[in-house]
């Protein structure tokens, strides 16, 4: 499966990654590469837990551009 993830640098310099299609699925790392490695693991674990609990694996998300 392929997922879109977000990756942002917080105020302390830590890279935070999240998977919007899986509620609560976030991770972090000291570098972009570490953050991406960690979010892959987090996605696998979140999917496993959601399957065990009989929850939908993902929710519907959509990215749109908004002009301001």
PDB file of N, CA and C in Angstrom:
ATOM      1  N   UNK A   1       0.835  -1.179   0.000  1.00  0.00           N
ATOM      2  CA  UNK A   1       0.000   0.000   0.000  1.00  0.00           C
ATOM      3  C   UNK A   1       0.882   1.244   0.000  1.00  0.00           C
ATOM      4  N   UNK A   2       0.391   2.297  -0.599  1.00  0.00           N
ATOM      5  CA  UNK A   2       1.102   3.566  -0.599  1.00  0.00           C
ATOM      6  C   UNK A   2       0.257   4.595   0.136  1.00  0.00           C
ATOM      7  N   UNK A   3       0.916   5.408   0.947  1.00  0.00           N
ATOM      8  CA  UNK A   3       0.242   6.445   1.714  1.00  0.00           C
ATOM      9  C   UNK A   3       0.941   7.773   1.511  1.00  0.00           C
ATOM     10  N   UNK A   4       0.168   8.837   1.537  1.00  0.00           N
ATOM     11  CA  UNK A   4       0.726  10.186   1.551  1.00  0.00           C
ATOM     12  C   UNK A   4       1.038  10.520   2.998  1.00  0.00           C
ATOM     13  N   UNK A   5       2.223  11.065   3.239  1.00  0.00           N
ATOM     14  CA  UNK A   5       2.582  11.495   4.588  1.00  0.00           C
ATOM     15  C   UNK A   5       2.951  12.964   4.555  1.00  0.00           C
ATOM     16  N   UNK A   6       2.789  13.609   5.685  1.00  0.00           N
ATOM     17  CA  UNK A   6       3.245  14.989   5.842  1.00  0.00           C
ATOM     18  C   UNK A   6       4.534  14.940   6.637  1.00  0.00           C
ATOM     19  N   UNK A   7       5.411  15.884   6.381  1.00  0.00           N
ATOM     20  CA  UNK A   7       6.652  15.970   7.152  1.00  0.00           C
ATOM     21  C   UNK A   7       6.965  17.443   7.368  1.00  0.00           C
ATOM     22  N   UNK A   8       7.122  17.800   8.627  1.00  0.00           N
ATOM     23  CA  UNK A   8       7.363  19.187   9.014  1.00  0.00           C
ATOM     24  C   UNK A   8       8.460  19.233  10.067  1.00  0.00           C
ATOM     25  N   UNK A   9       9.138  20.337  10.121  1.00  0.00           N
ATOM     26  CA  UNK A   9      10.153  20.539  11.152  1.00  0.00           C
ATOM     27  C   UNK A   9       9.542  21.400  12.251  1.00  0.00           C
ATOM     28  N   UNK A  10       9.589  20.922  13.502  1.00  0.00           N
ATOM     29  CA  UNK A  10       9.012  21.694  14.590  1.00  0.00           C
ATOM     30  C   UNK A  10      10.002  22.733  15.121  1.00  0.00           C
ATOM     31  N   UNK A  11       9.576  23.465  16.132  1.00  0.00           N
ATOM     32  CA  UNK A  11      10.374  24.569  16.659  1.00  0.00           C
ATOM     33  C   UNK A  11      11.721  24.120  17.230  1.00  0.00           C
ATOM     34  N   UNK A  12      11.782  22.867  17.686  1.00  0.00           N
ATOM     35  CA  UNK A  12      13.027  22.371  18.283  1.00  0.00           C
ATOM     36  C   UNK A  12      13.965  21.744  17.248  1.00  0.00           C
ATOM     37  N   UNK A  13      13.526  21.677  15.989  1.00  0.00           N
ATOM     38  CA  UNK A  13      14.345  21.101  14.931  1.00  0.00           C
ATOM     39  C   UNK A  13      14.059  19.646  14.644  1.00  0.00           C
ATOM     40  N   UNK A  14      13.126  19.064  15.376  1.00  0.00           N
ATOM     41  CA  UNK A  14      12.748  17.662  15.157  1.00  0.00           C
ATOM     42  C   UNK A  14      11.835  17.573  13.944  1.00  0.00           C
ATOM     43  N   UNK A  15      12.027  16.541  13.130  1.00  0.00           N
ATOM     44  CA  UNK A  15      11.186  16.304  11.966  1.00  0.00           C
ATOM     45  C   UNK A  15      10.011  15.429  12.390  1.00  0.00           C
ATOM     46  N   UNK A  16       8.797  15.902  12.146  1.00  0.00           N
ATOM     47  CA  UNK A  16       7.577  15.207  12.549  1.00  0.00           C
ATOM     48  C   UNK A  16       6.840  14.765  11.296  1.00  0.00           C
ATOM     49  N   UNK A  17       6.533  13.472  11.227  1.00  0.00           N
ATOM     50  CA  UNK A  17       5.823  12.918  10.068  1.00  0.00           C
ATOM     51  C   UNK A  17       4.478  12.380  10.529  1.00  0.00           C
ATOM     52  N   UNK A  18       3.484  12.533   9.678  1.00  0.00           N
ATOM     53  CA  UNK A  18       2.155  12.022   9.985  1.00  0.00           C
ATOM     54  C   UNK A  18       1.516  11.428   8.750  1.00  0.00           C
ATOM     55  N   UNK A  19       0.590  10.518   8.982  1.00  0.00           N
ATOM     56  CA  UNK A  19      -0.157   9.899   7.889  1.00  0.00           C
ATOM     57  C   UNK A  19      -1.623  10.267   8.062  1.00  0.00           C
ATOM     58  N   UNK A  20      -2.103  11.283   7.336  1.00  0.00           N
ATOM     59  CA  UNK A  20      -3.469  11.760   7.530  1.00  0.00           C
ATOM     60  C   UNK A  20      -4.548  10.694   7.304  1.00  0.00           C
ATOM     61  N   UNK A  21      -4.269   9.686   6.497  1.00  0.00           N
ATOM     62  CA  UNK A  21      -5.275   8.655   6.214  1.00  0.00           C
ATOM     63  C   UNK A  21      -5.471   7.688   7.378  1.00  0.00           C
ATOM     64  N   UNK A  22      -4.556   7.733   8.362  1.00  0.00           N
ATOM     65  CA  UNK A  22      -4.654   6.850   9.533  1.00  0.00           C
ATOM     66  C   UNK A  22      -4.662   7.742  10.771  1.00  0.00           C
ATOM     67  N   UNK A  23      -5.835   7.955  11.368  1.00  0.00           N
ATOM     68  CA  UNK A  23      -5.928   8.855  12.519  1.00  0.00           C
ATOM     69  C   UNK A  23      -4.940   8.482  13.625  1.00  0.00           C
ATOM     70  N   UNK A  24      -4.210   9.497  14.103  1.00  0.00           N
ATOM     71  CA  UNK A  24      -3.270   9.301  15.196  1.00  0.00           C
ATOM     72  C   UNK A  24      -1.932   8.727  14.809  1.00  0.00           C
ATOM     73  N   UNK A  25      -1.708   8.495  13.535  1.00  0.00           N
ATOM     74  CA  UNK A  25      -0.455   7.879  13.089  1.00  0.00           C
ATOM     75  C   UNK A  25       0.581   8.962  12.831  1.00  0.00           C
ATOM     76  N   UNK A  26       1.464   9.167  13.807  1.00  0.00           N
ATOM     77  CA  UNK A  26       2.523  10.163  13.707  1.00  0.00           C
ATOM     78  C   UNK A  26       3.819   9.581  14.238  1.00  0.00           C
ATOM     79  N   UNK A  27       4.918  10.158  13.827  1.00  0.00           N
ATOM     80  CA  UNK A  27       6.230   9.756  14.317  1.00  0.00           C
ATOM     81  C   UNK A  27       7.166  10.937  14.151  1.00  0.00           C
ATOM     82  N   UNK A  28       8.404  10.765  14.559  1.00  0.00           N
ATOM     83  CA  UNK A  28       9.364  11.854  14.444  1.00  0.00           C
ATOM     84  C   UNK A  28      10.768  11.299  14.323  1.00  0.00           C
ATOM     85  N   UNK A  29      11.701  12.195  14.023  1.00  0.00           N
ATOM     86  CA  UNK A  29      13.110  11.808  13.923  1.00  0.00           C
ATOM     87  C   UNK A  29      13.986  13.035  13.924  1.00  0.00           C
ATOM     88  N   UNK A  30      15.282  12.820  14.129  1.00  0.00           N
ATOM     89  CA  UNK A  30      16.238  13.921  14.143  1.00  0.00           C
ATOM     90  C   UNK A  30      16.570  14.423  12.742  1.00  0.00           C
ATOM     91  N   UNK A  31      16.225  13.626  11.711  1.00  0.00           N
ATOM     92  CA  UNK A  31      16.452  14.019  10.325  1.00  0.00           C
ATOM     93  C   UNK A  31      15.225  13.622   9.511  1.00  0.00           C
ATOM     94  N   UNK A  32      15.145  14.151   8.294  1.00  0.00           N
ATOM     95  CA  UNK A  32      14.038  13.760   7.420  1.00  0.00           C
ATOM     96  C   UNK A  32      14.053  12.258   7.178  1.00  0.00           C
ATOM     97  N   UNK A  33      15.232  11.735   6.915  1.00  0.00           N
ATOM     98  CA  UNK A  33      15.349  10.299   6.629  1.00  0.00           C
ATOM     99  C   UNK A  33      14.894   9.461   7.822  1.00  0.00           C
ATOM    100  N   UNK A  34      15.304   9.851   9.020  1.00  0.00           N
ATOM    101  CA  UNK A  34      14.904   9.108  10.216  1.00  0.00           C
ATOM    102  C   UNK A  34      13.395   9.213  10.431  1.00  0.00           C
ATOM    103  N   UNK A  35      12.851  10.380  10.192  1.00  0.00           N
ATOM    104  CA  UNK A  35      11.416  10.579  10.355  1.00  0.00           C
ATOM    105  C   UNK A  35      10.631   9.708   9.374  1.00  0.00           C
ATOM    106  N   UNK A  36      11.087   9.628   8.141  1.00  0.00           N
ATOM    107  CA  UNK A  36      10.411   8.805   7.141  1.00  0.00           C
ATOM    108  C   UNK A  36      10.528   7.317   7.465  1.00  0.00           C
ATOM    109  N   UNK A  37      11.674   6.903   7.950  1.00  0.00           N
ATOM    110  CA  UNK A  37      11.840   5.514   8.376  1.00  0.00           C
ATOM    111  C   UNK A  37      10.875   5.195   9.521  1.00  0.00           C
ATOM    112  N   UNK A  38      10.795   6.109  10.467  1.00  0.00           N
ATOM    113  CA  UNK A  38       9.932   5.891  11.631  1.00  0.00           C
ATOM    114  C   UNK A  38       8.444   5.903  11.270  1.00  0.00           C
ATOM    115  N   UNK A  39       8.044   6.752  10.319  1.00  0.00           N
ATOM    116  CA  UNK A  39       6.619   6.783   9.959  1.00  0.00           C
ATOM    117  C   UNK A  39       6.229   5.515   9.207  1.00  0.00           C
ATOM    118  N   UNK A  40       7.142   4.931   8.451  1.00  0.00           N
ATOM    119  CA  UNK A  40       6.841   3.648   7.799  1.00  0.00           C
ATOM    120  C   UNK A  40       6.509   2.591   8.852  1.00  0.00           C
ATOM    121  N   UNK A  41       7.330   2.535   9.891  1.00  0.00           N
ATOM    122  CA  UNK A  41       7.096   1.586  10.971  1.00  0.00           C
ATOM    123  C   UNK A  41       5.784   1.902  11.693  1.00  0.00           C
ATOM    124  N   UNK A  42       5.527   3.183  11.935  1.00  0.00           N
ATOM    125  CA  UNK A  42       4.290   3.578  12.619  1.00  0.00           C
ATOM    126  C   UNK A  42       3.064   3.196  11.795  1.00  0.00           C
ATOM    127  N   UNK A  43       3.133   3.378  10.477  1.00  0.00           N
ATOM    128  CA  UNK A  43       2.013   2.998   9.611  1.00  0.00           C
ATOM    129  C   UNK A  43       1.744   1.503   9.714  1.00  0.00           C
ATOM    130  N   UNK A  44       2.796   0.701   9.639  1.00  0.00           N
ATOM    131  CA  UNK A  44       2.624  -0.751   9.748  1.00  0.00           C
ATOM    132  C   UNK A  44       1.972  -1.135  11.069  1.00  0.00           C
ATOM    133  N   UNK A  45       2.435  -0.549  12.155  1.00  0.00           N
ATOM    134  CA  UNK A  45       1.889  -0.869  13.468  1.00  0.00           C
ATOM    135  C   UNK A  45       0.455  -0.383  13.625  1.00  0.00           C
ATOM    136  N   UNK A  46       0.169   0.816  13.137  1.00  0.00           N
ATOM    137  CA  UNK A  46      -1.197   1.344  13.223  1.00  0.00           C
ATOM    138  C   UNK A  46      -2.169   0.474  12.434  1.00  0.00           C
ATOM    139  N   UNK A  47      -1.766   0.055  11.237  1.00  0.00           N
ATOM    140  CA  UNK A  47      -2.629  -0.807  10.431  1.00  0.00           C
ATOM    141  C   UNK A  47      -2.878  -2.137  11.138  1.00  0.00           C
ATOM    142  N   UNK A  48      -1.842  -2.679  11.762  1.00  0.00           N
ATOM    143  CA  UNK A  48      -1.973  -3.942  12.485  1.00  0.00           C
ATOM    144  C   UNK A  48      -2.972  -3.815  13.641  1.00  0.00           C
ATOM    145  N   UNK A  49      -2.838  -2.768  14.418  1.00  0.00           N
ATOM    146  CA  UNK A  49      -3.738  -2.554  15.556  1.00  0.00           C
ATOM    147  C   UNK A  49      -5.160  -2.314  15.084  1.00  0.00           C
ATOM    148  N   UNK A  50      -5.333  -1.500  14.058  1.00  0.00           N
ATOM    149  CA  UNK A  50      -6.683  -1.215  13.557  1.00  0.00           C
ATOM    150  C   UNK A  50      -7.336  -2.487  13.030  1.00  0.00           C
ATOM    151  N   UNK A  51      -6.573  -3.353  12.362  1.00  0.00           N
ATOM    152  CA  UNK A  51      -7.115  -4.618  11.854  1.00  0.00           C
ATOM    153  C   UNK A  51      -7.524  -5.523  13.016  1.00  0.00           C
ATOM    154  N   UNK A  52      -6.668  -5.596  14.051  1.00  0.00           N
ATOM    155  CA  UNK A  52      -6.981  -6.437  15.214  1.00  0.00           C
ATOM    156  C   UNK A  52      -8.254  -5.985  15.913  1.00  0.00           C
ATOM    157  N   UNK A  53      -8.510  -4.696  15.914  1.00  0.00           N
ATOM    158  CA  UNK A  53      -9.682  -4.138  16.597  1.00  0.00           C
ATOM    159  C   UNK A  53     -10.911  -4.056  15.698  1.00  0.00           C
ATOM    160  N   UNK A  54     -10.774  -4.488  14.461  1.00  0.00           N
ATOM    161  CA  UNK A  54     -11.897  -4.446  13.530  1.00  0.00           C
ATOM    162  C   UNK A  54     -12.256  -3.049  13.068  1.00  0.00           C
ATOM    163  N   UNK A  55     -11.316  -2.146  13.147  1.00  0.00           N
ATOM    164  CA  UNK A  55     -11.548  -0.759  12.735  1.00  0.00           C
ATOM    165  C   UNK A  55     -11.230  -0.614  11.248  1.00  0.00           C
ATOM    166  N   UNK A  56     -11.830   0.374  10.590  1.00  0.00           N
ATOM    167  CA  UNK A  56     -11.418   0.642   9.211  1.00  0.00           C
ATOM    168  C   UNK A  56      -9.930   0.971   9.200  1.00  0.00           C
ATOM    169  N   UNK A  57      -9.221   0.462   8.216  1.00  0.00           N
ATOM    170  CA  UNK A  57      -7.771   0.688   8.184  1.00  0.00           C
ATOM    171  C   UNK A  57      -7.423   2.145   7.943  1.00  0.00           C
ATOM    172  N   UNK A  58      -8.200   2.817   7.116  1.00  0.00           N
ATOM    173  CA  UNK A  58      -7.918   4.211   6.785  1.00  0.00           C
ATOM    174  C   UNK A  58      -9.212   5.002   6.746  1.00  0.00           C
ATOM    175  N   UNK A  59      -9.074   6.315   6.698  1.00  0.00           N
ATOM    176  CA  UNK A  59     -10.204   7.194   6.465  1.00  0.00           C
ATOM    177  C   UNK A  59      -9.947   7.933   5.156  1.00  0.00           C
ATOM    178  N   UNK A  60     -10.994   8.458   4.584  1.00  0.00           N
ATOM    179  CA  UNK A  60     -10.844   9.175   3.318  1.00  0.00           C
ATOM    180  C   UNK A  60     -10.230  10.541   3.564  1.00  0.00           C
ATOM    181  N   UNK A  61      -9.222  10.869   2.788  1.00  0.00           N
ATOM    182  CA  UNK A  61      -8.598  12.187   2.850  1.00  0.00           C
ATOM    183  C   UNK A  61      -8.455  12.736   1.437  1.00  0.00           C
ATOM    184  N   UNK A  62      -8.326  14.022   1.334  1.00  0.00           N
ATOM    185  CA  UNK A  62      -8.112  14.647   0.027  1.00  0.00           C
ATOM    186  C   UNK A  62      -7.308  15.920   0.242  1.00  0.00           C
ATOM    187  N   UNK A  63      -6.347  16.141  -0.608  1.00  0.00           N
ATOM    188  CA  UNK A  63      -5.569  17.362  -0.557  1.00  0.00           C
ATOM    189  C   UNK A  63      -6.122  18.335  -1.576  1.00  0.00           C
ATOM    190  N   UNK A  64      -6.338  19.555  -1.144  1.00  0.00           N
ATOM    191  CA  UNK A  64      -6.816  20.614  -2.041  1.00  0.00           C
ATOM    192  C   UNK A  64      -5.971  21.856  -1.815  1.00  0.00           C
ATOM    193  N   UNK A  65      -5.871  22.674  -2.841  1.00  0.00           N
ATOM    194  CA  UNK A  65      -5.180  23.934  -2.713  1.00  0.00           C
ATOM    195  C   UNK A  65      -6.190  25.031  -2.437  1.00  0.00           C
ATOM    196  N   UNK A  66      -5.829  25.935  -1.550  1.00  0.00           N
ATOM    197  CA  UNK A  66      -6.699  27.049  -1.210  1.00  0.00           C
ATOM    198  C   UNK A  66      -5.907  28.340  -1.421  1.00  0.00           C
ATOM    199  N   UNK A  67      -6.441  29.214  -2.218  1.00  0.00           N
ATOM    200  CA  UNK A  67      -5.784  30.498  -2.462  1.00  0.00           C
ATOM    201  C   UNK A  67      -6.195  31.501  -1.383  1.00  0.00           C
ATOM    202  N   UNK A  68      -5.219  32.235  -0.878  1.00  0.00           N
ATOM    203  CA  UNK A  68      -5.521  33.281   0.104  1.00  0.00           C
ATOM    204  C   UNK A  68      -4.873  34.581  -0.291  1.00  0.00           C
TER     205      UNK A  68
END
